[in-house]
Amino acid sequence: MAKFPEAEARRFHRVFICKKCKHKIRADNTAVIAGKVKCRYCGSKALRPVRKK
């Protein structure tokens, strides 16, 4: 299956996963690294980037 750059950007660009409750959050990279972004569901600041399969 062909990979389109538009689709990859939509799925992986600026998308993070909460390590505690596993919800997806779209945020800026620098804000996540600085710890300014928290999960809107559980309030945790532990986020990781989404994995490309």
N, C-alpha and C. Protein backbone atom coordinates (compact mmCIF):
# COMPACT_ATOMS: atom_id res chain seq x y z
N MET A 1 0.83 -1.17 0.00
CA MET A 1 0.00 0.00 0.00
C MET A 1 0.89 1.25 0.00
N ALA A 2 0.55 2.20 -0.82
CA ALA A 2 1.35 3.42 -0.93
C ALA A 2 1.16 4.30 0.30
N LYS A 3 2.25 4.97 0.69
CA LYS A 3 2.18 5.89 1.82
C LYS A 3 2.15 7.31 1.30
N PHE A 4 1.13 8.04 1.67
CA PHE A 4 0.98 9.42 1.24
C PHE A 4 1.53 10.34 2.34
N PRO A 5 2.31 11.37 1.96
CA PRO A 5 2.84 12.27 2.99
C PRO A 5 1.76 13.02 3.75
N GLU A 6 0.64 13.31 3.10
CA GLU A 6 -0.46 14.00 3.78
C GLU A 6 -1.05 13.13 4.87
N ALA A 7 -1.21 11.84 4.56
CA ALA A 7 -1.78 10.91 5.54
C ALA A 7 -0.82 10.69 6.70
N GLU A 8 0.47 10.56 6.42
CA GLU A 8 1.44 10.38 7.50
C GLU A 8 1.50 11.60 8.40
N ALA A 9 1.41 12.78 7.82
CA ALA A 9 1.41 14.00 8.63
C ALA A 9 0.18 14.06 9.52
N ARG A 10 -0.95 13.63 9.00
CA ARG A 10 -2.19 13.66 9.78
C ARG A 10 -2.13 12.67 10.93
N ARG A 11 -1.51 11.51 10.71
CA ARG A 11 -1.49 10.48 11.74
C ARG A 11 -0.38 10.63 12.77
N PHE A 12 0.78 11.20 12.36
CA PHE A 12 1.94 11.17 13.24
C PHE A 12 2.49 12.53 13.62
N HIS A 13 2.17 13.59 12.89
CA HIS A 13 2.77 14.89 13.16
C HIS A 13 2.12 15.53 14.38
N ARG A 14 2.93 15.83 15.40
CA ARG A 14 2.49 16.47 16.65
C ARG A 14 1.47 15.65 17.43
N VAL A 15 1.48 14.31 17.30
CA VAL A 15 0.55 13.46 18.03
C VAL A 15 1.31 12.76 19.16
N PHE A 16 0.75 12.83 20.36
CA PHE A 16 1.37 12.21 21.52
C PHE A 16 0.34 11.33 22.22
N ILE A 17 0.84 10.33 22.95
CA ILE A 17 0.01 9.38 23.68
C ILE A 17 0.28 9.54 25.17
N CYS A 18 -0.77 9.59 25.95
CA CYS A 18 -0.62 9.65 27.40
C CYS A 18 -0.15 8.29 27.90
N LYS A 19 0.89 8.28 28.71
CA LYS A 19 1.43 7.02 29.22
C LYS A 19 0.54 6.39 30.29
N LYS A 20 -0.33 7.20 30.88
CA LYS A 20 -1.17 6.71 31.97
C LYS A 20 -2.50 6.14 31.46
N CYS A 21 -3.20 6.91 30.60
CA CYS A 21 -4.54 6.48 30.18
C CYS A 21 -4.63 6.15 28.69
N LYS A 22 -3.51 6.30 27.94
CA LYS A 22 -3.40 5.91 26.53
C LYS A 22 -4.28 6.72 25.57
N HIS A 23 -4.64 7.95 25.92
CA HIS A 23 -5.40 8.81 25.01
C HIS A 23 -4.46 9.57 24.10
N LYS A 24 -4.94 9.89 22.90
CA LYS A 24 -4.16 10.67 21.94
C LYS A 24 -4.37 12.15 22.18
N ILE A 25 -3.27 12.90 22.08
CA ILE A 25 -3.30 14.35 22.25
C ILE A 25 -2.45 14.96 21.15
N ARG A 26 -2.97 15.97 20.48
CA ARG A 26 -2.19 16.69 19.47
C ARG A 26 -1.69 17.98 20.11
N ALA A 27 -0.36 18.12 20.16
CA ALA A 27 0.24 19.29 20.80
C ALA A 27 1.58 19.59 20.14
N ASP A 28 2.11 20.77 20.46
CA ASP A 28 3.39 21.18 19.92
C ASP A 28 4.53 20.42 20.62
N ASN A 29 5.56 20.06 19.86
CA ASN A 29 6.67 19.28 20.41
C ASN A 29 7.39 20.00 21.53
N THR A 30 7.67 21.28 21.35
CA THR A 30 8.41 22.02 22.36
C THR A 30 7.62 22.18 23.65
N ALA A 31 6.31 22.30 23.55
CA ALA A 31 5.48 22.43 24.75
C ALA A 31 5.44 21.12 25.52
N VAL A 32 5.43 20.00 24.82
CA VAL A 32 5.42 18.69 25.49
C VAL A 32 6.75 18.46 26.19
N ILE A 33 7.86 18.81 25.53
CA ILE A 33 9.18 18.63 26.13
C ILE A 33 9.34 19.52 27.36
N ALA A 34 8.80 20.72 27.30
CA ALA A 34 8.88 21.65 28.43
C ALA A 34 7.95 21.27 29.58
N GLY A 35 7.02 20.34 29.36
CA GLY A 35 6.10 19.91 30.40
C GLY A 35 4.90 20.82 30.58
N LYS A 36 4.59 21.62 29.57
CA LYS A 36 3.47 22.56 29.66
C LYS A 36 2.14 21.94 29.24
N VAL A 37 2.20 20.75 28.64
CA VAL A 37 0.98 20.09 28.15
C VAL A 37 0.63 18.95 29.08
N LYS A 38 -0.65 18.86 29.45
CA LYS A 38 -1.09 17.74 30.26
C LYS A 38 -2.27 17.07 29.57
N CYS A 39 -2.52 15.84 29.93
CA CYS A 39 -3.62 15.06 29.35
C CYS A 39 -4.94 15.68 29.80
N ARG A 40 -5.83 15.88 28.86
CA ARG A 40 -7.11 16.49 29.21
C ARG A 40 -8.06 15.49 29.85
N TYR A 41 -7.70 14.22 29.87
CA TYR A 41 -8.57 13.19 30.45
C TYR A 41 -8.16 12.85 31.89
N CYS A 42 -6.85 12.66 32.10
CA CYS A 42 -6.43 12.24 33.44
C CYS A 42 -5.54 13.26 34.13
N GLY A 43 -5.03 14.27 33.41
CA GLY A 43 -4.22 15.30 34.01
C GLY A 43 -2.74 14.99 34.10
N SER A 44 -2.31 13.87 33.56
CA SER A 44 -0.91 13.48 33.61
C SER A 44 -0.08 14.29 32.62
N LYS A 45 1.18 14.51 32.95
CA LYS A 45 2.10 15.20 32.04
C LYS A 45 3.06 14.23 31.36
N ALA A 46 2.90 12.94 31.60
CA ALA A 46 3.76 11.92 31.00
C ALA A 46 3.20 11.55 29.62
N LEU A 47 3.82 12.11 28.58
CA LEU A 47 3.39 11.87 27.20
C LEU A 47 4.53 11.30 26.39
N ARG A 48 4.20 10.48 25.41
CA ARG A 48 5.20 9.93 24.49
C ARG A 48 4.72 10.13 23.07
N PRO A 49 5.64 10.18 22.10
CA PRO A 49 5.22 10.30 20.70
C PRO A 49 4.53 9.01 20.24
N VAL A 50 3.63 9.12 19.28
CA VAL A 50 2.96 7.94 18.73
C VAL A 50 3.97 7.15 17.92
N ARG A 51 3.89 5.82 17.98
CA ARG A 51 4.83 4.95 17.27
C ARG A 51 4.35 4.69 15.85
N LYS A 52 5.27 4.75 14.92
CA LYS A 52 4.96 4.43 13.52
C LYS A 52 5.13 2.94 13.32
N LYS A 53 4.11 2.28 12.82
CA LYS A 53 4.15 0.83 12.63
C LYS A 53 4.62 0.49 11.24
